[in-house]
Amino acid sequence: MAIPDDWFGHTVTRLVRLMMVMAAVGTVAALLWRGWKWGAGYAVGAAISGLNFYWLKRLTESLGSTRVRRRSAVFLASRYVVLGLIAYVILRYSSISLPAALAGLFVSTAAVIVEILFELAYGPN
């Protein structure tokens, strides 16, 4: 089984597109279904999910590097604390919906599942 040269790049591009579509559709659906508090909550959760995906992508790209920056290693290790604090401040001091924000956090997970199904159906044999 031969893997194309830019397989990882195409996969990441599809994942980012899927996350953007899921975030937009989910935000509009939550907005229409339950109002602006739910739409804003889903959008915040999806944004945090996208930011976490970006940080994970940077981590995987730096694994093969011979020069690892100590500052970025500490930041990547503490990213869940940073994301948790951001979410806490936004949700504690605003009136957006916590359940909608939690649903938005699963945007990257849902995109990965769709990508797995895509690769199973259309990936290299």
Foldseek 3Di string as FASTA:
>chain_A
DDADPCNVVVLVVQLVVQLVVCLVVLLVVLCVPPHDLLSVLLNLLSVLLVVLVVLVVVVVVCPPPPDDDPVSVVCSVCVVVVSVVVVCVDVVPDRHDPVSSVVSNCSSVVSVVVSVVVCVVPNDD
